Amino acid sequence: MNLNPTVNAGVDQSICLGYSANLSATGNSGLAPYTFNWDNGLGLGQNKSVNPITTTTYTVTITDANGCSNTDQVL
């Protein structure tokens, strides 16, 4: 039996129009190495910089070396 990895997309953030924020996902459990895949066109990577023009929820999916996955969201 393989444990699912856990992922934390970070704390919710308020971003003023015209400014950016950094998103940083962290993984735990499961079997490293991990792959992080963000939605909203952000793609692969553990860290992303965003500058949304409206309230946006970002979802990150973590996949471990066993192919097990999990998701988390940040607003």
N, C-alpha and C. Protein backbone atom coordinates (compact mmCIF):
# COMPACT_ATOMS: atom_id res chain seq x y z
N MET A 1 0.83 -1.17 0.00
CA MET A 1 0.00 0.00 0.00
C MET A 1 0.88 1.24 0.00
N ASN A 2 0.57 2.18 -0.89
CA ASN A 2 1.32 3.43 -0.98
C ASN A 2 0.53 4.56 -0.34
N LEU A 3 1.20 5.39 0.46
CA LEU A 3 0.57 6.56 1.03
C LEU A 3 0.44 7.65 -0.02
N ASN A 4 -0.70 8.34 -0.04
CA ASN A 4 -0.83 9.48 -0.93
C ASN A 4 0.04 10.61 -0.41
N PRO A 5 0.66 11.36 -1.32
CA PRO A 5 1.41 12.52 -0.88
C PRO A 5 0.45 13.59 -0.40
N THR A 6 0.93 14.48 0.45
CA THR A 6 0.14 15.65 0.85
C THR A 6 0.77 16.88 0.22
N VAL A 7 -0.05 17.88 -0.04
CA VAL A 7 0.44 19.12 -0.64
C VAL A 7 -0.20 20.29 0.07
N ASN A 8 0.58 21.35 0.23
CA ASN A 8 0.10 22.59 0.82
C ASN A 8 0.39 23.70 -0.17
N ALA A 9 -0.67 24.36 -0.66
CA ALA A 9 -0.51 25.43 -1.64
C ALA A 9 -0.21 26.78 -1.00
N GLY A 10 -0.12 26.83 0.30
CA GLY A 10 0.19 28.08 0.99
C GLY A 10 -1.05 28.76 1.53
N VAL A 11 -0.85 29.93 2.12
CA VAL A 11 -1.95 30.68 2.73
C VAL A 11 -2.64 31.55 1.68
N ASP A 12 -3.94 31.80 1.89
CA ASP A 12 -4.67 32.70 1.01
C ASP A 12 -4.04 34.09 1.08
N GLN A 13 -4.08 34.81 -0.06
CA GLN A 13 -3.45 36.12 -0.13
C GLN A 13 -4.40 37.14 -0.76
N SER A 14 -4.31 38.38 -0.31
CA SER A 14 -5.00 39.49 -0.95
C SER A 14 -3.98 40.23 -1.80
N ILE A 15 -4.31 40.44 -3.06
CA ILE A 15 -3.38 41.09 -3.99
C ILE A 15 -4.09 42.29 -4.60
N CYS A 16 -3.51 43.46 -4.48
CA CYS A 16 -4.08 44.66 -5.11
C CYS A 16 -3.84 44.61 -6.61
N LEU A 17 -4.78 45.18 -7.37
CA LEU A 17 -4.69 45.22 -8.82
C LEU A 17 -3.35 45.83 -9.24
N GLY A 18 -2.68 45.16 -10.16
CA GLY A 18 -1.40 45.62 -10.65
C GLY A 18 -0.21 45.05 -9.91
N TYR A 19 -0.46 44.32 -8.84
CA TYR A 19 0.62 43.71 -8.06
C TYR A 19 0.65 42.21 -8.30
N SER A 20 1.72 41.57 -7.88
CA SER A 20 1.84 40.12 -8.06
C SER A 20 2.05 39.45 -6.70
N ALA A 21 1.90 38.15 -6.71
CA ALA A 21 2.13 37.34 -5.51
C ALA A 21 2.85 36.08 -5.92
N ASN A 22 3.59 35.51 -5.00
CA ASN A 22 4.28 34.25 -5.24
C ASN A 22 3.52 33.11 -4.59
N LEU A 23 3.28 32.06 -5.36
CA LEU A 23 2.66 30.85 -4.86
C LEU A 23 3.76 29.81 -4.69
N SER A 24 3.74 29.10 -3.58
CA SER A 24 4.76 28.10 -3.31
C SER A 24 4.11 26.87 -2.70
N ALA A 25 4.18 25.76 -3.40
CA ALA A 25 3.61 24.51 -2.90
C ALA A 25 4.69 23.68 -2.21
N THR A 26 4.29 22.99 -1.16
CA THR A 26 5.20 22.07 -0.49
C THR A 26 4.56 20.69 -0.44
N GLY A 27 5.38 19.67 -0.56
CA GLY A 27 4.88 18.29 -0.55
C GLY A 27 5.44 17.50 0.61
N ASN A 28 4.69 16.46 0.97
CA ASN A 28 5.08 15.61 2.08
C ASN A 28 4.47 14.23 1.86
N SER A 29 4.96 13.25 2.58
CA SER A 29 4.48 11.86 2.49
C SER A 29 4.68 11.31 1.09
N GLY A 30 4.10 10.16 0.80
CA GLY A 30 4.31 9.56 -0.51
C GLY A 30 5.78 9.27 -0.75
N LEU A 31 6.15 9.17 -2.02
CA LEU A 31 7.53 8.85 -2.40
C LEU A 31 8.08 9.93 -3.33
N ALA A 32 9.09 10.66 -2.85
CA ALA A 32 9.74 11.68 -3.67
C ALA A 32 10.48 10.99 -4.82
N PRO A 33 10.72 11.66 -5.93
CA PRO A 33 10.47 13.08 -6.16
C PRO A 33 9.00 13.36 -6.49
N TYR A 34 8.61 14.63 -6.27
CA TYR A 34 7.25 15.07 -6.53
C TYR A 34 7.19 15.93 -7.79
N THR A 35 6.04 15.89 -8.45
CA THR A 35 5.75 16.81 -9.54
C THR A 35 4.59 17.68 -9.10
N PHE A 36 4.71 18.99 -9.28
CA PHE A 36 3.66 19.94 -8.93
C PHE A 36 3.08 20.51 -10.22
N ASN A 37 1.76 20.46 -10.37
CA ASN A 37 1.11 20.97 -11.57
C ASN A 37 -0.01 21.92 -11.15
N TRP A 38 0.13 23.19 -11.52
CA TRP A 38 -0.85 24.23 -11.19
C TRP A 38 -1.85 24.39 -12.32
N ASP A 39 -3.10 24.74 -11.97
CA ASP A 39 -4.11 25.01 -12.99
C ASP A 39 -4.03 26.47 -13.44
N ASN A 40 -5.03 26.93 -14.16
CA ASN A 40 -5.10 28.31 -14.68
C ASN A 40 -3.93 28.66 -15.58
N GLY A 41 -3.41 27.66 -16.29
CA GLY A 41 -2.34 27.91 -17.24
C GLY A 41 -0.96 28.09 -16.64
N LEU A 42 -0.81 27.85 -15.34
CA LEU A 42 0.49 28.04 -14.71
C LEU A 42 1.45 26.89 -14.99
N GLY A 43 0.92 25.67 -15.15
CA GLY A 43 1.74 24.53 -15.52
C GLY A 43 2.58 23.95 -14.39
N LEU A 44 3.67 23.28 -14.78
CA LEU A 44 4.51 22.55 -13.84
C LEU A 44 5.44 23.47 -13.07
N GLY A 45 5.71 23.08 -11.83
CA GLY A 45 6.68 23.80 -11.00
C GLY A 45 6.17 23.98 -9.59
N GLN A 46 7.08 24.04 -8.67
CA GLN A 46 6.73 24.17 -7.26
C GLN A 46 6.37 25.62 -6.90
N ASN A 47 7.02 26.59 -7.54
CA ASN A 47 6.81 28.01 -7.23
C ASN A 47 6.34 28.74 -8.48
N LYS A 48 5.35 29.62 -8.29
CA LYS A 48 4.80 30.40 -9.41
C LYS A 48 4.55 31.83 -8.96
N SER A 49 4.68 32.77 -9.89
CA SER A 49 4.34 34.16 -9.65
C SER A 49 3.07 34.46 -10.43
N VAL A 50 2.10 35.11 -9.77
CA VAL A 50 0.81 35.40 -10.41
C VAL A 50 0.45 36.87 -10.21
N ASN A 51 -0.34 37.42 -11.12
CA ASN A 51 -0.90 38.76 -10.97
C ASN A 51 -2.32 38.76 -11.53
N PRO A 52 -3.25 38.16 -10.78
CA PRO A 52 -4.63 38.05 -11.25
C PRO A 52 -5.33 39.41 -11.27
N ILE A 53 -6.31 39.54 -12.18
CA ILE A 53 -7.07 40.79 -12.25
C ILE A 53 -8.44 40.65 -11.59
N THR A 54 -8.80 39.44 -11.18
CA THR A 54 -10.02 39.18 -10.43
C THR A 54 -9.70 38.16 -9.34
N THR A 55 -10.64 37.94 -8.43
CA THR A 55 -10.45 36.92 -7.40
C THR A 55 -10.28 35.57 -8.10
N THR A 56 -9.20 34.89 -7.81
CA THR A 56 -8.86 33.65 -8.50
C THR A 56 -8.43 32.59 -7.49
N THR A 57 -8.93 31.39 -7.67
CA THR A 57 -8.50 30.25 -6.88
C THR A 57 -7.54 29.43 -7.72
N TYR A 58 -6.40 29.11 -7.15
CA TYR A 58 -5.40 28.29 -7.84
C TYR A 58 -5.35 26.92 -7.17
N THR A 59 -5.36 25.88 -7.98
CA THR A 59 -5.28 24.51 -7.50
C THR A 59 -3.96 23.91 -7.95
N VAL A 60 -3.26 23.28 -7.02
CA VAL A 60 -2.03 22.57 -7.36
C VAL A 60 -2.24 21.09 -7.09
N THR A 61 -1.77 20.27 -8.01
CA THR A 61 -1.83 18.82 -7.87
C THR A 61 -0.40 18.31 -7.71
N ILE A 62 -0.19 17.51 -6.67
CA ILE A 62 1.10 16.88 -6.46
C ILE A 62 0.99 15.42 -6.90
N THR A 63 2.00 14.95 -7.59
CA THR A 63 2.09 13.54 -7.97
C THR A 63 3.45 13.03 -7.54
N ASP A 64 3.45 11.87 -6.86
CA ASP A 64 4.73 11.34 -6.38
C ASP A 64 5.26 10.29 -7.35
N ALA A 65 6.40 9.70 -7.00
CA ALA A 65 7.07 8.72 -7.86
C ALA A 65 6.25 7.47 -8.09
N ASN A 66 5.28 7.18 -7.21
CA ASN A 66 4.39 6.02 -7.38
C ASN A 66 3.18 6.34 -8.24
N GLY A 67 3.03 7.60 -8.67
CA GLY A 67 1.86 8.00 -9.44
C GLY A 67 0.67 8.37 -8.58
N CYS A 68 0.85 8.41 -7.26
CA CYS A 68 -0.23 8.82 -6.35
C CYS A 68 -0.30 10.34 -6.33
N SER A 69 -1.51 10.89 -6.19
CA SER A 69 -1.64 12.34 -6.25
C SER A 69 -2.62 12.87 -5.21
N ASN A 70 -2.57 14.19 -5.04
CA ASN A 70 -3.44 14.89 -4.12
C ASN A 70 -3.48 16.35 -4.56
N THR A 71 -4.46 17.12 -4.09
CA THR A 71 -4.58 18.52 -4.49
C THR A 71 -4.79 19.43 -3.29
N ASP A 72 -4.49 20.72 -3.50
CA ASP A 72 -4.79 21.76 -2.53
C ASP A 72 -5.07 23.04 -3.31
N GLN A 73 -5.76 23.97 -2.66
CA GLN A 73 -6.11 25.23 -3.31
C GLN A 73 -5.64 26.41 -2.47
N VAL A 74 -5.40 27.52 -3.17
CA VAL A 74 -5.09 28.79 -2.52
C VAL A 74 -5.86 29.87 -3.26
N LEU A 75 -6.34 30.85 -2.50
CA LEU A 75 -7.15 31.93 -3.06
C LEU A 75 -6.34 33.21 -3.08
